[in-house]
N, C-alpha and C. Protein backbone atom coordinates (compact mmCIF):
# COMPACT_ATOMS: atom_id res chain seq x y z
N MET A 1 -46.03 -52.44 -58.84
CA MET A 1 -46.48 -51.40 -58.01
C MET A 1 -47.83 -51.62 -57.69
N GLY A 2 -48.57 -52.60 -58.65
CA GLY A 2 -50.05 -52.70 -58.02
C GLY A 2 -50.94 -51.63 -58.37
N GLU A 3 -52.41 -51.85 -58.54
CA GLU A 3 -53.30 -50.70 -58.69
C GLU A 3 -53.26 -49.64 -57.48
N GLN A 4 -53.31 -50.03 -56.27
CA GLN A 4 -53.14 -49.11 -55.24
C GLN A 4 -52.07 -48.23 -55.44
N GLY A 5 -50.70 -48.76 -55.66
CA GLY A 5 -49.63 -48.00 -55.90
C GLY A 5 -49.62 -47.27 -57.04
N ALA A 6 -50.21 -47.50 -58.07
CA ALA A 6 -50.67 -46.70 -59.17
C ALA A 6 -51.25 -45.58 -58.86
N GLU A 7 -52.53 -45.59 -58.20
CA GLU A 7 -53.42 -44.66 -57.77
C GLU A 7 -52.63 -43.89 -57.14
N ALA A 8 -51.97 -44.13 -56.06
CA ALA A 8 -51.42 -43.22 -55.19
C ALA A 8 -50.27 -42.16 -56.04
N ALA A 9 -49.53 -43.01 -57.06
CA ALA A 9 -48.48 -41.92 -57.55
C ALA A 9 -49.30 -40.93 -58.65
N TRP A 10 -50.32 -41.63 -59.20
CA TRP A 10 -51.00 -40.51 -59.80
C TRP A 10 -51.82 -39.47 -59.29
N LEU A 11 -52.38 -39.80 -57.79
CA LEU A 11 -52.89 -38.69 -56.97
C LEU A 11 -51.58 -37.72 -56.66
N ILE A 12 -50.44 -38.19 -56.42
CA ILE A 12 -49.31 -37.22 -56.13
C ILE A 12 -48.82 -36.35 -56.94
N ALA A 13 -48.90 -37.06 -58.15
CA ALA A 13 -48.47 -36.14 -59.47
C ALA A 13 -49.35 -35.23 -59.92
N LEU A 14 -50.82 -35.77 -59.54
CA LEU A 14 -51.90 -34.75 -60.26
C LEU A 14 -52.20 -33.41 -59.50
N HIS A 15 -51.61 -33.52 -57.86
CA HIS A 15 -51.72 -32.41 -57.00
C HIS A 15 -50.29 -31.77 -56.51
N GLY A 16 -49.57 -32.10 -57.80
CA GLY A 16 -48.14 -31.52 -57.49
C GLY A 16 -48.19 -30.27 -58.08
N ASP A 17 -49.26 -29.06 -58.15
CA ASP A 17 -49.29 -28.07 -58.58
C ASP A 17 -48.08 -27.08 -58.64
N MET A 18 -47.51 -27.26 -57.79
CA MET A 18 -46.48 -26.12 -57.54
C MET A 18 -45.18 -26.85 -58.12
N ASN A 19 -45.27 -27.73 -58.79
CA ASN A 19 -43.96 -28.36 -59.65
C ASN A 19 -44.63 -29.14 -60.78
N PRO A 20 -44.95 -28.27 -61.60
CA PRO A 20 -45.46 -28.76 -62.77
C PRO A 20 -44.09 -29.66 -63.90
N GLU A 21 -43.10 -29.31 -63.60
CA GLU A 21 -42.07 -29.99 -64.17
C GLU A 21 -42.12 -31.75 -63.63
N PHE A 22 -42.51 -31.79 -62.39
CA PHE A 22 -42.70 -33.11 -61.87
C PHE A 22 -44.09 -33.89 -62.54
N GLN A 23 -44.84 -33.06 -62.72
CA GLN A 23 -46.14 -33.54 -63.44
C GLN A 23 -45.87 -33.78 -64.82
N GLU A 24 -45.08 -33.12 -65.50
CA GLU A 24 -44.77 -33.45 -67.01
C GLU A 24 -44.02 -34.72 -67.06
N LEU A 25 -43.05 -34.99 -66.00
CA LEU A 25 -42.07 -36.03 -66.00
C LEU A 25 -43.14 -37.39 -65.57
N ALA A 26 -43.92 -37.21 -64.61
CA ALA A 26 -44.83 -38.36 -64.33
C ALA A 26 -45.88 -38.75 -65.71
N ALA A 27 -46.28 -37.38 -66.39
CA ALA A 27 -46.96 -37.85 -67.46
C ALA A 27 -46.46 -38.60 -68.36
N ARG A 28 -45.16 -38.43 -68.92
CA ARG A 28 -44.28 -38.96 -69.81
C ARG A 28 -44.08 -40.30 -69.15
N TYR A 29 -44.26 -40.82 -68.07
CA TYR A 29 -44.03 -42.34 -67.64
C TYR A 29 -45.30 -42.98 -67.82
N MET A 30 -46.51 -42.31 -67.86
CA MET A 30 -47.81 -42.77 -67.80
C MET A 30 -48.13 -43.05 -69.20
N ARG A 31 -47.59 -42.17 -69.97
CA ARG A 31 -47.86 -42.55 -71.67
C ARG A 31 -47.63 -43.89 -71.91
N GLU A 32 -46.56 -44.38 -71.71
CA GLU A 32 -46.35 -45.77 -72.18
C GLU A 32 -47.49 -46.78 -71.42
N ALA A 33 -47.67 -46.50 -70.22
CA ALA A 33 -48.32 -47.11 -69.69
C ALA A 33 -49.91 -47.06 -70.06
N VAL A 34 -50.20 -46.04 -70.63
CA VAL A 34 -51.82 -45.85 -71.40
C VAL A 34 -51.31 -46.65 -72.56
N THR A 35 -50.56 -46.45 -73.17
CA THR A 35 -50.48 -47.57 -74.51
C THR A 35 -50.79 -49.08 -74.32
N GLU A 36 -50.06 -49.33 -72.99
CA GLU A 36 -50.03 -50.76 -72.51
C GLU A 36 -51.48 -51.29 -71.74
N GLY A 37 -52.32 -50.25 -71.91
CA GLY A 37 -53.65 -50.46 -71.16
C GLY A 37 -53.44 -50.65 -69.64
N GLU A 38 -52.58 -50.03 -69.15
CA GLU A 38 -52.28 -50.27 -67.54
C GLU A 38 -52.72 -49.10 -66.69
N VAL A 39 -52.86 -47.95 -67.53
CA VAL A 39 -53.46 -46.66 -66.95
C VAL A 39 -54.66 -46.22 -67.72
N GLU A 40 -55.71 -45.56 -67.17
CA GLU A 40 -56.98 -45.08 -67.61
C GLU A 40 -56.26 -43.69 -68.29
N SER A 41 -56.67 -43.62 -69.82
CA SER A 41 -56.21 -42.50 -70.66
C SER A 41 -56.81 -41.26 -70.13
N ARG A 42 -58.08 -41.11 -69.32
CA ARG A 42 -58.42 -40.12 -69.15
C ARG A 42 -57.58 -39.66 -67.80
N ARG A 43 -56.89 -40.51 -66.84
CA ARG A 43 -56.02 -39.92 -65.97
C ARG A 43 -54.74 -39.21 -66.60
N TYR A 44 -54.19 -39.98 -67.53
CA TYR A 44 -53.07 -39.45 -68.21
C TYR A 44 -53.40 -38.09 -68.81
N ALA A 45 -54.56 -37.97 -69.69
CA ALA A 45 -54.82 -36.55 -70.35
C ALA A 45 -55.22 -35.55 -69.34
N GLY A 46 -55.63 -35.90 -68.19
CA GLY A 46 -55.89 -34.77 -66.97
C GLY A 46 -54.41 -34.39 -66.36
N LEU A 47 -53.70 -35.08 -66.34
CA LEU A 47 -52.36 -34.86 -65.74
C LEU A 47 -51.54 -34.04 -66.77
N VAL A 48 -51.63 -34.25 -67.96
CA VAL A 48 -50.95 -33.55 -69.22
C VAL A 48 -51.59 -32.08 -68.94
N ASP A 49 -53.12 -32.26 -69.06
CA ASP A 49 -53.65 -30.92 -69.23
C ASP A 49 -53.30 -30.09 -67.83
N ARG A 50 -53.30 -30.64 -66.75
CA ARG A 50 -53.13 -30.00 -65.59
C ARG A 50 -51.65 -29.17 -65.41
N ALA A 51 -50.59 -30.02 -65.91
CA ALA A 51 -49.14 -29.63 -66.18
C ALA A 51 -49.43 -28.35 -66.97
N LYS A 52 -50.02 -28.63 -68.17
CA LYS A 52 -49.86 -27.43 -69.09
C LYS A 52 -50.66 -26.06 -68.26
N ARG A 53 -51.77 -26.25 -67.84
CA ARG A 53 -52.40 -25.06 -67.18
C ARG A 53 -51.37 -24.85 -66.07
N ASN A 54 -50.80 -25.57 -65.23
CA ASN A 54 -49.75 -24.89 -64.14
C ASN A 54 -48.76 -24.06 -64.82
N ARG A 55 -48.36 -24.38 -66.08
CA ARG A 55 -47.33 -23.51 -66.71
C ARG A 55 -47.73 -22.48 -67.52
N GLY A 56 -49.13 -22.25 -67.57
CA GLY A 56 -49.91 -21.01 -68.24
C GLY A 56 -50.05 -21.38 -69.73
N LYS A 57 -50.15 -22.87 -70.05
CA LYS A 57 -50.12 -23.02 -71.54
C LYS A 57 -51.57 -23.47 -71.82
N ALA A 58 -51.83 -23.77 -73.10
CA ALA A 58 -53.15 -24.45 -73.41
C ALA A 58 -53.27 -25.66 -73.01
N GLN A 59 -54.55 -26.48 -72.72
CA GLN A 59 -54.31 -27.68 -72.40
C GLN A 59 -54.37 -28.55 -73.88
N LYS A 60 -54.25 -29.76 -73.95
CA LYS A 60 -53.98 -30.70 -75.16
C LYS A 60 -54.99 -31.35 -75.29
N PHE A 61 -55.78 -31.98 -74.47
CA PHE A 61 -56.90 -32.94 -74.53
C PHE A 61 -58.07 -32.46 -74.12
N GLY A 62 -58.38 -31.18 -73.53
CA GLY A 62 -59.48 -30.54 -73.26
C GLY A 62 -60.40 -31.46 -71.76
N THR A 63 -59.33 -31.46 -71.03
CA THR A 63 -60.17 -32.07 -69.81
C THR A 63 -60.53 -31.00 -68.95
N PHE A 64 -60.43 -29.99 -68.79
CA PHE A 64 -60.64 -28.78 -67.74
C PHE A 64 -61.56 -28.02 -68.47
N TYR A 65 -62.57 -27.54 -67.76
CA TYR A 65 -63.89 -26.69 -67.94
C TYR A 65 -64.53 -26.30 -67.13
N GLU A 66 -65.38 -25.60 -67.01
CA GLU A 66 -66.16 -24.86 -65.82
C GLU A 66 -67.62 -24.58 -66.52
N ARG A 67 -68.27 -24.41 -65.69
CA ARG A 67 -69.81 -24.16 -66.16
C ARG A 67 -69.95 -22.74 -65.53
N VAL A 68 -70.56 -21.99 -66.70
CA VAL A 68 -70.65 -20.40 -66.35
C VAL A 68 -72.02 -20.17 -66.79
N ASP A 69 -73.15 -19.85 -66.11
CA ASP A 69 -74.26 -19.48 -66.58
C ASP A 69 -74.92 -20.55 -67.33
N GLY A 70 -74.71 -21.73 -66.99
CA GLY A 70 -75.44 -22.99 -67.53
C GLY A 70 -74.73 -23.14 -68.83
N GLU A 71 -73.77 -22.91 -69.18
CA GLU A 71 -72.85 -23.30 -70.26
C GLU A 71 -71.65 -23.96 -69.89
N LEU A 72 -71.01 -24.75 -70.44
CA LEU A 72 -69.54 -25.06 -70.16
C LEU A 72 -68.83 -24.33 -71.03
N GLN A 73 -67.43 -23.82 -70.32
CA GLN A 73 -66.40 -23.09 -71.17
C GLN A 73 -65.20 -23.87 -70.73
N PHE A 74 -64.68 -24.16 -71.88
CA PHE A 74 -63.45 -25.03 -71.73
C PHE A 74 -62.43 -23.90 -71.35
N TYR A 75 -61.28 -24.39 -70.67
CA TYR A 75 -59.88 -23.56 -70.75
C TYR A 75 -59.33 -23.85 -71.96
N GLU A 76 -58.38 -23.16 -72.42
CA GLU A 76 -57.85 -22.76 -73.84
C GLU A 76 -57.39 -24.13 -74.08
N ILE A 77 -57.65 -24.59 -75.24
CA ILE A 77 -56.97 -25.70 -75.94
C ILE A 77 -56.36 -25.64 -76.99
N LYS A 78 -55.05 -26.14 -76.92
CA LYS A 78 -53.97 -25.78 -78.29
C LYS A 78 -54.57 -26.54 -79.24
N ASP A 79 -54.40 -26.01 -80.34
CA ASP A 79 -54.95 -26.50 -82.08
C ASP A 79 -56.36 -27.06 -81.78
N VAL A 80 -57.30 -26.62 -81.34
CA VAL A 80 -58.57 -27.20 -81.19
C VAL A 80 -59.04 -27.93 -82.51
N ASP A 81 -58.90 -27.72 -83.34
CA ASP A 81 -59.15 -28.34 -84.32
C ASP A 81 -58.83 -29.76 -84.72
N VAL A 82 -57.86 -30.05 -83.88
CA VAL A 82 -57.42 -31.63 -84.17
C VAL A 82 -57.25 -32.21 -82.38
N VAL A 83 -58.08 -31.52 -81.76
CA VAL A 83 -58.03 -32.22 -80.22
C VAL A 83 -58.95 -33.52 -80.29
N ASP A 84 -59.87 -33.71 -81.26
CA ASP A 84 -60.26 -35.20 -81.24
C ASP A 84 -59.43 -35.99 -81.68
N LYS A 85 -58.68 -35.88 -82.63
CA LYS A 85 -57.62 -36.64 -82.98
C LYS A 85 -56.79 -37.05 -81.98
N ARG A 86 -56.15 -36.03 -81.10
CA ARG A 86 -55.28 -36.35 -79.85
C ARG A 86 -56.10 -37.14 -79.23
N ARG A 87 -57.33 -36.89 -78.70
CA ARG A 87 -58.06 -37.84 -77.60
C ARG A 87 -58.40 -39.20 -78.14
N GLN A 88 -58.55 -39.30 -79.65
CA GLN A 88 -58.68 -40.52 -79.99
C GLN A 88 -57.39 -41.59 -80.19
N ALA A 89 -56.27 -40.65 -80.20
CA ALA A 89 -55.03 -41.28 -80.42
C ALA A 89 -54.86 -42.07 -78.81
N ILE A 90 -55.55 -41.42 -77.72
CA ILE A 90 -55.21 -42.52 -76.37
C ILE A 90 -56.31 -42.78 -75.81
N GLY A 91 -57.42 -43.03 -76.74
CA GLY A 91 -58.53 -43.79 -76.29
C GLY A 91 -59.54 -43.24 -75.77
N LEU A 92 -59.66 -41.66 -75.73
CA LEU A 92 -60.69 -40.96 -75.13
C LEU A 92 -61.74 -40.53 -76.34
N PRO A 93 -62.95 -40.48 -75.98
CA PRO A 93 -64.01 -40.14 -76.74
C PRO A 93 -63.94 -38.68 -77.47
N PRO A 94 -64.75 -38.18 -78.39
CA PRO A 94 -64.38 -36.92 -78.70
C PRO A 94 -65.09 -35.72 -77.66
N LEU A 95 -64.58 -34.56 -77.78
CA LEU A 95 -64.65 -33.62 -77.07
C LEU A 95 -66.13 -33.19 -76.66
N VAL A 96 -66.93 -33.27 -77.75
CA VAL A 96 -68.39 -33.11 -77.64
C VAL A 96 -68.81 -34.40 -76.36
N CYS A 97 -68.31 -35.21 -76.22
CA CYS A 97 -68.76 -36.22 -75.03
C CYS A 97 -68.89 -35.77 -73.81
N GLU A 98 -67.93 -34.63 -73.66
CA GLU A 98 -67.74 -33.96 -72.19
C GLU A 98 -69.12 -33.51 -72.08
N LEU A 99 -69.92 -33.32 -72.88
CA LEU A 99 -71.35 -32.70 -72.70
C LEU A 99 -72.23 -33.51 -72.11
N CYS A 100 -72.25 -34.69 -72.49
CA CYS A 100 -73.33 -35.59 -71.95
C CYS A 100 -73.11 -36.00 -70.44
N GLY A 101 -72.06 -36.01 -69.92
CA GLY A 101 -71.71 -36.38 -68.59
C GLY A 101 -72.08 -35.25 -67.89
N ASN A 102 -72.22 -34.07 -68.31
CA ASN A 102 -72.85 -32.68 -67.65
C ASN A 102 -73.82 -32.30 -67.62
N GLU A 103 -74.97 -32.95 -68.61
CA GLU A 103 -76.15 -32.59 -68.98
C GLU A 103 -76.15 -31.10 -69.36
N VAL A 104 -75.39 -31.06 -70.14
CA VAL A 104 -75.29 -29.48 -71.04
C VAL A 104 -76.22 -29.67 -72.18
N ARG A 105 -77.11 -28.76 -72.41
CA ARG A 105 -77.88 -28.81 -73.58
C ARG A 105 -77.91 -27.40 -74.32
N SER A 106 -76.64 -27.02 -74.05
CA SER A 106 -76.63 -25.48 -74.94
C SER A 106 -75.35 -25.42 -75.64
N ALA A 107 -74.84 -24.31 -76.31
CA ALA A 107 -73.77 -24.26 -76.75
C ALA A 107 -72.53 -24.26 -75.98
N VAL A 108 -71.41 -24.30 -76.29
CA VAL A 108 -70.08 -24.42 -75.64
C VAL A 108 -69.11 -23.62 -76.25
N LEU A 109 -68.48 -23.15 -75.21
CA LEU A 109 -67.51 -22.14 -75.54
C LEU A 109 -66.01 -22.65 -75.52
N VAL A 110 -65.23 -22.78 -76.49
CA VAL A 110 -63.96 -23.37 -76.80
C VAL A 110 -63.23 -22.16 -77.16
N ASN A 111 -62.27 -21.76 -76.33
CA ASN A 111 -61.22 -20.71 -77.01
C ASN A 111 -62.04 -19.64 -77.11
N GLY A 112 -63.12 -19.32 -76.61
CA GLY A 112 -63.69 -17.88 -76.91
C GLY A 112 -64.78 -18.00 -77.77
N GLU A 113 -64.82 -19.20 -78.66
CA GLU A 113 -65.85 -19.32 -79.68
C GLU A 113 -66.93 -20.18 -79.20
N ARG A 114 -68.19 -20.08 -79.74
CA ARG A 114 -69.12 -21.00 -79.68
C ARG A 114 -68.90 -22.16 -80.66
N ARG A 115 -68.54 -23.48 -80.14
CA ARG A 115 -68.03 -24.23 -81.21
C ARG A 115 -68.83 -25.68 -81.32
N LEU A 116 -69.04 -26.22 -80.09
CA LEU A 116 -70.12 -27.24 -80.14
C LEU A 116 -71.60 -27.14 -79.77
N ASN A 117 -72.49 -26.88 -80.83
CA ASN A 117 -73.78 -26.93 -80.59
C ASN A 117 -74.87 -27.94 -80.57
N GLN A 118 -73.93 -28.99 -80.96
CA GLN A 118 -74.94 -30.32 -80.61
C GLN A 118 -74.42 -31.20 -79.54
N PRO A 119 -75.15 -31.27 -78.60
CA PRO A 119 -74.72 -32.07 -77.25
C PRO A 119 -74.68 -33.52 -77.26
N ASP A 120 -75.54 -34.09 -78.26
CA ASP A 120 -75.65 -35.15 -78.43
C ASP A 120 -74.40 -35.98 -79.12
N CYS A 121 -73.54 -36.64 -78.73
CA CYS A 121 -72.29 -37.05 -79.36
C CYS A 121 -72.57 -38.54 -79.96
N GLY A 122 -73.81 -39.22 -79.70
CA GLY A 122 -73.99 -40.26 -80.34
C GLY A 122 -73.33 -41.68 -79.75
N ASN A 123 -72.31 -41.34 -78.93
CA ASN A 123 -71.65 -42.32 -78.17
C ASN A 123 -72.17 -42.66 -76.72
N CYS A 124 -72.98 -42.07 -76.25
CA CYS A 124 -73.29 -42.18 -74.89
C CYS A 124 -74.86 -42.59 -74.77
N GLU A 125 -74.96 -43.46 -73.52
CA GLU A 125 -76.10 -43.83 -73.20
C GLU A 125 -76.86 -42.99 -72.70
N GLU A 126 -78.25 -42.86 -72.80
CA GLU A 126 -79.25 -41.88 -72.30
C GLU A 126 -79.35 -42.11 -71.03
């Protein structure tokens, strides 16, 4: 398929919001490609989380959030206490690293609670 074909397939699945079943099917196929290093884990995680949100379920990897009044608010995350283990299993950094790229320097809401008060994950470059 090649890189361009894989990119196109991912974009089609990602934007198939009216068909979360198709998104979930595409994510299952992507999972193997992630373990083989053929697909970026971030793309896989984003597709999984988007399909979950489209079904009204909590996200698995914490890739969706919004900025509200200067704070990041993650959309609901399933079993948030083990989200970093799930992220690590597919090669993603800890959830707190989402703060670094968003220049957030305050607490973050996760499932309605202030959970991440230290925005320096220690893994990011200044």
